[in-house]
Full PDB file with SEQRES, HELIX, SHEET, SSBOND, CRYST1, ORIGX, SCALE, CONECT and MASTER records, all heavy atoms in Angstrom:
SEQRES   1 A   34  ILE THR PRO ARG VAL LEU LEU ASP LEU ILE GLY ASP ARG          
SEQRES   2 A   34  ASP ARG ALA LYS SER ASP ARG VAL MET ALA ALA MET LEU          
SEQRES   3 A   34  ARG MET GLN LYS ILE ASP ILE GLN                              
HELIX    1 AA1 ARG A    4  ILE A   10  1                                   7    
HELIX    2 AA2 ARG A   15  LEU A   26  1                                  12    
CRYST1    1.000    1.000    1.000  90.00  90.00  90.00 P 1           1          
ORIGX1      1.000000  0.000000  0.000000        0.00000                         
ORIGX2      0.000000  1.000000  0.000000        0.00000                         
ORIGX3      0.000000  0.000000  1.000000        0.00000                         
SCALE1      1.000000  0.000000  0.000000        0.00000                         
SCALE2      0.000000  1.000000  0.000000        0.00000                         
SCALE3      0.000000  0.000000  1.000000        0.00000                         
ATOM      1  N   ILE A   1      22.962  -7.289  -1.796  1.00  0.00           N  
ATOM      2  CA  ILE A   1      22.903  -8.287  -0.729  1.00  0.00           C  
ATOM      3  C   ILE A   1      21.428  -8.590  -0.506  1.00  0.00           C  
ATOM      4  O   ILE A   1      20.698  -7.817   0.111  1.00  0.00           O  
ATOM      5  CB  ILE A   1      23.598  -7.771   0.549  1.00  0.00           C  
ATOM      6  CG1 ILE A   1      25.025  -7.293   0.229  1.00  0.00           C  
ATOM      7  CG2 ILE A   1      23.594  -8.849   1.629  1.00  0.00           C  
ATOM      8  CD1 ILE A   1      25.915  -8.343  -0.441  1.00  0.00           C  
ATOM      9  N   THR A   2      20.995  -9.717  -1.059  1.00  0.00           N  
ATOM     10  CA  THR A   2      19.578 -10.011  -1.231  1.00  0.00           C  
ATOM     11  C   THR A   2      19.178 -11.283  -0.502  1.00  0.00           C  
ATOM     12  O   THR A   2      19.586 -12.374  -0.891  1.00  0.00           O  
ATOM     13  CB  THR A   2      19.272 -10.198  -2.737  1.00  0.00           C  
ATOM     14  OG1 THR A   2      19.799  -9.085  -3.462  1.00  0.00           O  
ATOM     15  CG2 THR A   2      17.790 -10.329  -2.986  1.00  0.00           C  
ATOM     16  N   PRO A   3      18.361 -11.153   0.547  1.00  0.00           N  
ATOM     17  CA  PRO A   3      17.860 -12.375   1.169  1.00  0.00           C  
ATOM     18  C   PRO A   3      16.931 -13.116   0.202  1.00  0.00           C  
ATOM     19  O   PRO A   3      16.124 -12.492  -0.492  1.00  0.00           O  
ATOM     20  CB  PRO A   3      17.105 -11.887   2.400  1.00  0.00           C  
ATOM     21  CG  PRO A   3      17.069 -10.412   2.337  1.00  0.00           C  
ATOM     22  CD  PRO A   3      17.898  -9.951   1.194  1.00  0.00           C  
ATOM     23  N   ARG A   4      17.070 -14.404   0.158  1.00  0.00           N  
ATOM     24  CA  ARG A   4      16.269 -15.229  -0.745  1.00  0.00           C  
ATOM     25  C   ARG A   4      14.772 -14.989  -0.522  1.00  0.00           C  
ATOM     26  O   ARG A   4      13.978 -14.980  -1.464  1.00  0.00           O  
ATOM     27  CB  ARG A   4      16.626 -16.701  -0.549  1.00  0.00           C  
ATOM     28  CG  ARG A   4      16.028 -17.624  -1.592  1.00  0.00           C  
ATOM     29  CD  ARG A   4      16.651 -19.017  -1.556  1.00  0.00           C  
ATOM     30  NE  ARG A   4      18.022 -18.954  -2.070  1.00  0.00           N  
ATOM     31  CZ  ARG A   4      19.123 -19.158  -1.331  1.00  0.00           C  
ATOM     32  NH1 ARG A   4      19.021 -19.447  -0.058  1.00  0.00           N  
ATOM     33  NH2 ARG A   4      20.320 -19.087  -1.865  1.00  0.00           N  
ATOM     34  N   VAL A   5      14.384 -14.772   0.737  1.00  0.00           N  
ATOM     35  CA  VAL A   5      12.974 -14.556   1.045  1.00  0.00           C  
ATOM     36  C   VAL A   5      12.433 -13.316   0.332  1.00  0.00           C  
ATOM     37  O   VAL A   5      11.259 -13.286  -0.048  1.00  0.00           O  
ATOM     38  CB  VAL A   5      12.740 -14.496   2.576  1.00  0.00           C  
ATOM     39  CG1 VAL A   5      13.349 -13.241   3.189  1.00  0.00           C  
ATOM     40  CG2 VAL A   5      11.262 -14.593   2.903  1.00  0.00           C  
ATOM     41  N   LEU A   6      13.256 -12.305   0.129  1.00  0.00           N  
ATOM     42  CA  LEU A   6      12.809 -11.119  -0.610  1.00  0.00           C  
ATOM     43  C   LEU A   6      12.387 -11.509  -2.023  1.00  0.00           C  
ATOM     44  O   LEU A   6      11.326 -11.095  -2.502  1.00  0.00           O  
ATOM     45  CB  LEU A   6      13.909 -10.058  -0.663  1.00  0.00           C  
ATOM     46  CG  LEU A   6      13.653  -8.862  -1.585  1.00  0.00           C  
ATOM     47  CD1 LEU A   6      12.432  -8.082  -1.151  1.00  0.00           C  
ATOM     48  CD2 LEU A   6      14.879  -7.963  -1.646  1.00  0.00           C  
ATOM     49  N   LEU A   7      13.201 -12.297  -2.679  1.00  0.00           N  
ATOM     50  CA  LEU A   7      12.879 -12.716  -4.049  1.00  0.00           C  
ATOM     51  C   LEU A   7      11.597 -13.535  -4.075  1.00  0.00           C  
ATOM     52  O   LEU A   7      10.755 -13.375  -4.967  1.00  0.00           O  
ATOM     53  CB  LEU A   7      14.050 -13.506  -4.634  1.00  0.00           C  
ATOM     54  CG  LEU A   7      15.377 -12.755  -4.677  1.00  0.00           C  
ATOM     55  CD1 LEU A   7      16.508 -13.682  -5.126  1.00  0.00           C  
ATOM     56  CD2 LEU A   7      15.286 -11.537  -5.559  1.00  0.00           C  
ATOM     57  N   ASP A   8      11.438 -14.413  -3.074  1.00  0.00           N  
ATOM     58  CA  ASP A   8      10.224 -15.229  -2.997  1.00  0.00           C  
ATOM     59  C   ASP A   8       8.989 -14.366  -2.768  1.00  0.00           C  
ATOM     60  O   ASP A   8       7.954 -14.554  -3.427  1.00  0.00           O  
ATOM     61  CB  ASP A   8      10.343 -16.262  -1.871  1.00  0.00           C  
ATOM     62  CG  ASP A   8      11.411 -17.304  -2.135  1.00  0.00           C  
ATOM     63  OD1 ASP A   8      11.818 -17.472  -3.313  1.00  0.00           O  
ATOM     64  OD2 ASP A   8      11.861 -17.946  -1.166  1.00  0.00           O  
ATOM     65  N   LEU A   9       9.086 -13.402  -1.849  1.00  0.00           N  
ATOM     66  CA  LEU A   9       7.924 -12.568  -1.524  1.00  0.00           C  
ATOM     67  C   LEU A   9       7.545 -11.635  -2.664  1.00  0.00           C  
ATOM     68  O   LEU A   9       6.361 -11.428  -2.940  1.00  0.00           O  
ATOM     69  CB  LEU A   9       8.196 -11.774  -0.249  1.00  0.00           C  
ATOM     70  CG  LEU A   9       8.258 -12.584   1.042  1.00  0.00           C  
ATOM     71  CD1 LEU A   9       8.763 -11.727   2.191  1.00  0.00           C  
ATOM     72  CD2 LEU A   9       6.899 -13.208   1.364  1.00  0.00           C  
ATOM     73  N   ILE A  10       8.527 -11.064  -3.328  1.00  0.00           N  
ATOM     74  CA  ILE A  10       8.225 -10.179  -4.460  1.00  0.00           C  
ATOM     75  C   ILE A  10       7.618 -10.965  -5.622  1.00  0.00           C  
ATOM     76  O   ILE A  10       6.805 -10.452  -6.369  1.00  0.00           O  
ATOM     77  CB  ILE A  10       9.485  -9.402  -4.896  1.00  0.00           C  
ATOM     78  CG1 ILE A  10       9.800  -8.347  -3.845  1.00  0.00           C  
ATOM     79  CG2 ILE A  10       9.312  -8.766  -6.263  1.00  0.00           C  
ATOM     80  CD1 ILE A  10      11.058  -7.563  -4.091  1.00  0.00           C  
ATOM     81  N   GLY A  11       7.988 -12.232  -5.727  1.00  0.00           N  
ATOM     82  CA  GLY A  11       7.444 -13.080  -6.782  1.00  0.00           C  
ATOM     83  C   GLY A  11       6.142 -13.775  -6.412  1.00  0.00           C  
ATOM     84  O   GLY A  11       5.617 -14.565  -7.194  1.00  0.00           O  
ATOM     85  N   ASP A  12       5.621 -13.495  -5.234  1.00  0.00           N  
ATOM     86  CA  ASP A  12       4.391 -14.136  -4.773  1.00  0.00           C  
ATOM     87  C   ASP A  12       3.241 -13.823  -5.729  1.00  0.00           C  
ATOM     88  O   ASP A  12       3.146 -12.714  -6.257  1.00  0.00           O  
ATOM     89  CB  ASP A  12       4.057 -13.645  -3.357  1.00  0.00           C  
ATOM     90  CG  ASP A  12       3.034 -14.538  -2.681  1.00  0.00           C  
ATOM     91  OD1 ASP A  12       1.841 -14.467  -3.063  1.00  0.00           O  
ATOM     92  OD2 ASP A  12       3.427 -15.290  -1.774  1.00  0.00           O  
ATOM     93  N   ARG A  13       2.356 -14.778  -5.930  1.00  0.00           N  
ATOM     94  CA  ARG A  13       1.205 -14.582  -6.827  1.00  0.00           C  
ATOM     95  C   ARG A  13       0.187 -13.597  -6.261  1.00  0.00           C  
ATOM     96  O   ARG A  13      -0.600 -13.018  -7.009  1.00  0.00           O  
ATOM     97  CB  ARG A  13       0.526 -15.918  -7.102  1.00  0.00           C  
ATOM     98  CG  ARG A  13       1.362 -16.823  -7.955  1.00  0.00           C  
ATOM     99  CD  ARG A  13       0.650 -18.106  -8.219  1.00  0.00           C  
ATOM    100  NE  ARG A  13       1.544 -19.008  -8.945  1.00  0.00           N  
ATOM    101  CZ  ARG A  13       1.142 -20.068  -9.572  1.00  0.00           C  
ATOM    102  NH1 ARG A  13      -0.134 -20.394  -9.590  1.00  0.00           N  
ATOM    103  NH2 ARG A  13       2.009 -20.831 -10.204  1.00  0.00           N  
ATOM    104  N   ASP A  14       0.201 -13.425  -4.953  1.00  0.00           N  
ATOM    105  CA  ASP A  14      -0.681 -12.451  -4.308  1.00  0.00           C  
ATOM    106  C   ASP A  14      -0.071 -11.071  -4.547  1.00  0.00           C  
ATOM    107  O   ASP A  14       0.894 -10.681  -3.895  1.00  0.00           O  
ATOM    108  CB  ASP A  14      -0.781 -12.774  -2.816  1.00  0.00           C  
ATOM    109  CG  ASP A  14      -1.670 -11.812  -2.044  1.00  0.00           C  
ATOM    110  OD1 ASP A  14      -1.892 -10.670  -2.526  1.00  0.00           O  
ATOM    111  OD2 ASP A  14      -2.113 -12.182  -0.947  1.00  0.00           O  
ATOM    112  N   ARG A  15      -0.614 -10.326  -5.517  1.00  0.00           N  
ATOM    113  CA  ARG A  15      -0.030  -9.040  -5.918  1.00  0.00           C  
ATOM    114  C   ARG A  15      -0.065  -8.016  -4.788  1.00  0.00           C  
ATOM    115  O   ARG A  15       0.836  -7.187  -4.663  1.00  0.00           O  
ATOM    116  CB  ARG A  15      -0.746  -8.478  -7.151  1.00  0.00           C  
ATOM    117  CG  ARG A  15      -0.549  -9.257  -8.430  1.00  0.00           C  
ATOM    118  CD  ARG A  15       0.892  -9.566  -8.810  1.00  0.00           C  
ATOM    119  NE  ARG A  15       1.802  -8.438  -8.684  1.00  0.00           N  
ATOM    120  CZ  ARG A  15       3.120  -8.537  -8.543  1.00  0.00           C  
ATOM    121  NH1 ARG A  15       3.702  -9.714  -8.514  1.00  0.00           N  
ATOM    122  NH2 ARG A  15       3.864  -7.471  -8.443  1.00  0.00           N  
ATOM    123  N   ALA A  16      -1.071  -8.055  -3.950  1.00  0.00           N  
ATOM    124  CA  ALA A  16      -1.148  -7.104  -2.837  1.00  0.00           C  
ATOM    125  C   ALA A  16       0.009  -7.369  -1.864  1.00  0.00           C  
ATOM    126  O   ALA A  16       0.663  -6.429  -1.396  1.00  0.00           O  
ATOM    127  CB  ALA A  16      -2.491  -7.200  -2.127  1.00  0.00           C  
ATOM    128  N   LYS A  17       0.256  -8.639  -1.568  1.00  0.00           N  
ATOM    129  CA  LYS A  17       1.371  -8.999  -0.685  1.00  0.00           C  
ATOM    130  C   LYS A  17       2.691  -8.582  -1.318  1.00  0.00           C  
ATOM    131  O   LYS A  17       3.539  -7.958  -0.682  1.00  0.00           O  
ATOM    132  CB  LYS A  17       1.376 -10.508  -0.428  1.00  0.00           C  
ATOM    133  CG  LYS A  17       2.556 -10.954   0.427  1.00  0.00           C  
ATOM    134  CD  LYS A  17       2.790 -12.468   0.423  1.00  0.00           C  
ATOM    135  CE  LYS A  17       1.742 -13.200   1.169  1.00  0.00           C  
ATOM    136  NZ  LYS A  17       2.066 -14.654   1.297  1.00  0.00           N  
ATOM    137  N   SER A  18       2.865  -8.906  -2.577  1.00  0.00           N  
ATOM    138  CA  SER A  18       4.083  -8.555  -3.301  1.00  0.00           C  
ATOM    139  C   SER A  18       4.307  -7.042  -3.290  1.00  0.00           C  
ATOM    140  O   SER A  18       5.427  -6.571  -3.063  1.00  0.00           O  
ATOM    141  CB  SER A  18       4.001  -9.076  -4.739  1.00  0.00           C  
ATOM    142  OG  SER A  18       5.103  -8.642  -5.488  1.00  0.00           O  
ATOM    143  N   ASP A  19       3.234  -6.277  -3.518  1.00  0.00           N  
ATOM    144  CA  ASP A  19       3.343  -4.814  -3.529  1.00  0.00           C  
ATOM    145  C   ASP A  19       3.716  -4.270  -2.150  1.00  0.00           C  
ATOM    146  O   ASP A  19       4.497  -3.317  -2.041  1.00  0.00           O  
ATOM    147  CB  ASP A  19       2.037  -4.184  -4.011  1.00  0.00           C  
ATOM    148  CG  ASP A  19       1.819  -4.355  -5.512  1.00  0.00           C  
ATOM    149  OD1 ASP A  19       2.789  -4.718  -6.222  1.00  0.00           O  
ATOM    150  OD2 ASP A  19       0.678  -4.126  -5.960  1.00  0.00           O  
ATOM    151  N   ARG A  20       3.154  -4.843  -1.070  1.00  0.00           N  
ATOM    152  CA  ARG A  20       3.505  -4.400   0.283  1.00  0.00           C  
ATOM    153  C   ARG A  20       4.986  -4.660   0.577  1.00  0.00           C  
ATOM    154  O   ARG A  20       5.680  -3.816   1.147  1.00  0.00           O  
ATOM    155  CB  ARG A  20       2.630  -5.104   1.328  1.00  0.00           C  
ATOM    156  CG  ARG A  20       1.190  -4.645   1.350  1.00  0.00           C  
ATOM    157  CD  ARG A  20       0.442  -5.179   2.557  1.00  0.00           C  
ATOM    158  NE  ARG A  20       0.506  -6.626   2.731  1.00  0.00           N  
ATOM    159  CZ  ARG A  20      -0.350  -7.497   2.207  1.00  0.00           C  
ATOM    160  NH1 ARG A  20      -1.361  -7.064   1.434  1.00  0.00           N  
ATOM    161  NH2 ARG A  20      -0.231  -8.786   2.438  1.00  0.00           N  
ATOM    162  N   VAL A  21       5.462  -5.810   0.147  1.00  0.00           N  
ATOM    163  CA  VAL A  21       6.871  -6.159   0.362  1.00  0.00           C  
ATOM    164  C   VAL A  21       7.765  -5.224  -0.450  1.00  0.00           C  
ATOM    165  O   VAL A  21       8.773  -4.719   0.059  1.00  0.00           O  
ATOM    166  CB  VAL A  21       7.131  -7.641   0.001  1.00  0.00           C  
ATOM    167  CG1 VAL A  21       8.624  -7.947  -0.013  1.00  0.00           C  
ATOM    168  CG2 VAL A  21       6.395  -8.559   0.973  1.00  0.00           C  
ATOM    169  N   MET A  22       7.398  -4.960  -1.699  1.00  0.00           N  
ATOM    170  CA  MET A  22       8.184  -4.050  -2.534  1.00  0.00           C  
ATOM    171  C   MET A  22       8.227  -2.662  -1.910  1.00  0.00           C  
ATOM    172  O   MET A  22       9.293  -2.033  -1.843  1.00  0.00           O  
ATOM    173  CB  MET A  22       7.607  -3.987  -3.942  1.00  0.00           C  
ATOM    174  CG  MET A  22       8.345  -3.022  -4.857  1.00  0.00           C  
ATOM    175  SD  MET A  22      10.054  -3.499  -5.187  1.00  0.00           S  
ATOM    176  CE  MET A  22       9.791  -4.716  -6.453  1.00  0.00           C  
ATOM    177  N   ALA A  23       7.095  -2.164  -1.442  1.00  0.00           N  
ATOM    178  CA  ALA A  23       7.053  -0.843  -0.820  1.00  0.00           C  
ATOM    179  C   ALA A  23       7.953  -0.801   0.420  1.00  0.00           C  
ATOM    180  O   ALA A  23       8.668   0.183   0.638  1.00  0.00           O  
ATOM    181  CB  ALA A  23       5.618  -0.480  -0.461  1.00  0.00           C  
ATOM    182  N   ALA A  24       7.952  -1.847   1.208  1.00  0.00           N  
ATOM    183  CA  ALA A  24       8.812  -1.907   2.395  1.00  0.00           C  
ATOM    184  C   ALA A  24      10.285  -1.924   1.989  1.00  0.00           C  
ATOM    185  O   ALA A  24      11.108  -1.196   2.553  1.00  0.00           O  
ATOM    186  CB  ALA A  24       8.470  -3.133   3.239  1.00  0.00           C  
ATOM    187  N   MET A  25      10.624  -2.727   1.010  1.00  0.00           N  
ATOM    188  CA  MET A  25      12.005  -2.836   0.549  1.00  0.00           C  
ATOM    189  C   MET A  25      12.525  -1.505   0.008  1.00  0.00           C  
ATOM    190  O   MET A  25      13.669  -1.133   0.242  1.00  0.00           O  
ATOM    191  CB  MET A  25      12.117  -3.922  -0.529  1.00  0.00           C  
ATOM    192  CG  MET A  25      13.522  -4.245  -0.976  1.00  0.00           C  
ATOM    193  SD  MET A  25      14.109  -3.358  -2.445  1.00  0.00           S  
ATOM    194  CE  MET A  25      12.839  -3.640  -3.629  1.00  0.00           C  
ATOM    195  N   LEU A  26      11.676  -0.761  -0.670  1.00  0.00           N  
ATOM    196  CA  LEU A  26      12.088   0.508  -1.257  1.00  0.00           C  
ATOM    197  C   LEU A  26      12.452   1.558  -0.209  1.00  0.00           C  
ATOM    198  O   LEU A  26      13.121   2.539  -0.518  1.00  0.00           O  
ATOM    199  CB  LEU A  26      10.992   1.046  -2.189  1.00  0.00           C  
ATOM    200  CG  LEU A  26      10.822   0.268  -3.500  1.00  0.00           C  
ATOM    201  CD1 LEU A  26       9.580   0.746  -4.243  1.00  0.00           C  
ATOM    202  CD2 LEU A  26      12.061   0.365  -4.364  1.00  0.00           C  
ATOM    203  N   ARG A  27      12.031   1.352   1.035  1.00  0.00           N  
ATOM    204  CA  ARG A  27      12.373   2.271   2.124  1.00  0.00           C  
ATOM    205  C   ARG A  27      13.656   1.859   2.857  1.00  0.00           C  
ATOM    206  O   ARG A  27      14.100   2.549   3.769  1.00  0.00           O  
ATOM    207  CB  ARG A  27      11.215   2.345   3.124  1.00  0.00           C  
ATOM    208  CG  ARG A  27       9.970   3.006   2.562  1.00  0.00           C  
ATOM    209  CD  ARG A  27       8.915   3.225   3.630  1.00  0.00           C  
ATOM    210  NE  ARG A  27       8.454   1.991   4.255  1.00  0.00           N  
ATOM    211  CZ  ARG A  27       7.415   1.254   3.848  1.00  0.00           C  
ATOM    212  NH1 ARG A  27       6.736   1.624   2.777  1.00  0.00           N  
ATOM    213  NH2 ARG A  27       7.061   0.179   4.505  1.00  0.00           N  
ATOM    214  N   MET A  28      14.247   0.742   2.483  1.00  0.00           N  
ATOM    215  CA  MET A  28      15.399   0.199   3.203  1.00  0.00           C  
ATOM    216  C   MET A  28      16.711   0.515   2.500  1.00  0.00           C  
ATOM    217  O   MET A  28      16.745   0.796   1.313  1.00  0.00           O  
ATOM    218  CB  MET A  28      15.281  -1.334   3.307  1.00  0.00           C  
ATOM    219  CG  MET A  28      14.110  -1.819   4.073  1.00  0.00           C  
ATOM    220  SD  MET A  28      14.084  -3.637   4.077  1.00  0.00           S  
ATOM    221  CE  MET A  28      12.480  -3.932   4.802  1.00  0.00           C  
ATOM    222  N   GLN A  29      17.770   0.452   3.267  1.00  0.00           N  
ATOM    223  CA  GLN A  29      19.111   0.338   2.713  1.00  0.00           C  
ATOM    224  C   GLN A  29      19.455  -1.142   2.836  1.00  0.00           C  
ATOM    225  O   GLN A  29      19.140  -1.903   1.933  1.00  0.00           O  
ATOM    226  CB  GLN A  29      20.095   1.254   3.430  1.00  0.00           C  
ATOM    227  CG  GLN A  29      19.900   2.708   3.034  1.00  0.00           C  
ATOM    228  CD  GLN A  29      20.962   3.620   3.586  1.00  0.00           C  
ATOM    229  OE1 GLN A  29      21.161   3.715   4.779  1.00  0.00           O  
ATOM    230  NE2 GLN A  29      21.640   4.299   2.688  1.00  0.00           N  
ATOM    231  N   LYS A  30      20.051  -1.558   3.952  1.00  0.00           N  
ATOM    232  CA  LYS A  30      20.260  -2.988   4.192  1.00  0.00           C  
ATOM    233  C   LYS A  30      18.890  -3.619   4.385  1.00  0.00           C  
ATOM    234  O   LYS A  30      18.034  -3.071   5.065  1.00  0.00           O  
ATOM    235  CB  LYS A  30      21.137  -3.196   5.429  1.00  0.00           C  
ATOM    236  CG  LYS A  30      21.364  -4.653   5.759  1.00  0.00           C  
ATOM    237  CD  LYS A  30      22.260  -4.828   6.961  1.00  0.00           C  
ATOM    238  CE  LYS A  30      21.559  -4.398   8.208  1.00  0.00           C  
ATOM    239  NZ  LYS A  30      22.314  -4.679   9.429  1.00  0.00           N  
ATOM    240  N   ILE A  31      18.673  -4.764   3.788  1.00  0.00           N  
ATOM    241  CA  ILE A  31      17.378  -5.428   3.856  1.00  0.00           C  
ATOM    242  C   ILE A  31      17.178  -6.045   5.237  1.00  0.00           C  
ATOM    243  O   ILE A  31      18.051  -6.737   5.753  1.00  0.00           O  
ATOM    244  CB  ILE A  31      17.259  -6.516   2.762  1.00  0.00           C  
ATOM    245  CG1 ILE A  31      17.434  -5.910   1.367  1.00  0.00           C  
ATOM    246  CG2 ILE A  31      15.934  -7.267   2.876  1.00  0.00           C  
ATOM    247  CD1 ILE A  31      16.431  -4.855   0.972  1.00  0.00           C  
ATOM    248  N   ASP A  32      15.999  -5.788   5.795  1.00  0.00           N  
ATOM    249  CA  ASP A  32      15.600  -6.331   7.094  1.00  0.00           C  
ATOM    250  C   ASP A  32      14.514  -7.375   6.836  1.00  0.00           C  
ATOM    251  O   ASP A  32      13.390  -7.023   6.455  1.00  0.00           O  
ATOM    252  CB  ASP A  32      15.082  -5.201   7.983  1.00  0.00           C  
ATOM    253  CG  ASP A  32      14.693  -5.675   9.362  1.00  0.00           C  
ATOM    254  OD1 ASP A  32      13.909  -6.644   9.484  1.00  0.00           O  
ATOM    255  OD2 ASP A  32      15.155  -5.052  10.340  1.00  0.00           O  
ATOM    256  N   ILE A  33      14.853  -8.627   7.030  1.00  0.00           N  
ATOM    257  CA  ILE A  33      13.938  -9.725   6.699  1.00  0.00           C  
ATOM    258  C   ILE A  33      12.656  -9.645   7.523  1.00  0.00           C  
ATOM    259  O   ILE A  33      11.562  -9.853   6.994  1.00  0.00           O  
ATOM    260  CB  ILE A  33      14.628 -11.089   6.873  1.00  0.00           C  
ATOM    261  CG1 ILE A  33      15.732 -11.240   5.810  1.00  0.00           C  
ATOM    262  CG2 ILE A  33      13.616 -12.232   6.783  1.00  0.00           C  
ATOM    263  CD1 ILE A  33      16.606 -12.466   5.977  1.00  0.00           C  
ATOM    264  N   GLN A  34      12.759  -9.330   8.818  1.00  0.00           N  
ATOM    265  CA  GLN A  34      11.550  -9.266   9.646  1.00  0.00           C  
ATOM    266  C   GLN A  34      10.590  -8.199   9.133  1.00  0.00           C  
ATOM    267  O   GLN A  34       9.388  -8.417   9.102  1.00  0.00           O  
ATOM    268  CB  GLN A  34      11.908  -9.015  11.114  1.00  0.00           C  
ATOM    269  CG  GLN A  34      10.708  -9.128  12.037  1.00  0.00           C  
ATOM    270  CD  GLN A  34      10.040 -10.507  11.957  1.00  0.00           C  
ATOM    271  OE1 GLN A  34      10.698 -11.518  12.138  1.00  0.00           O  
ATOM    272  NE2 GLN A  34       8.738 -10.542  11.657  1.00  0.00           N  
TER     273      GLN A  34                                                      
MASTER        0    0    0    2    0    0    0    6  272    1    0    3          
END                                                                             
């Protein structure tokens, strides 16, 4: 169950931003968009 924004953020060209989002997602079960 994947919010579209997750895919957009992980694919962001800013690798630092993408890495922060990936690290946050890896701590989740259900994805929290905020």
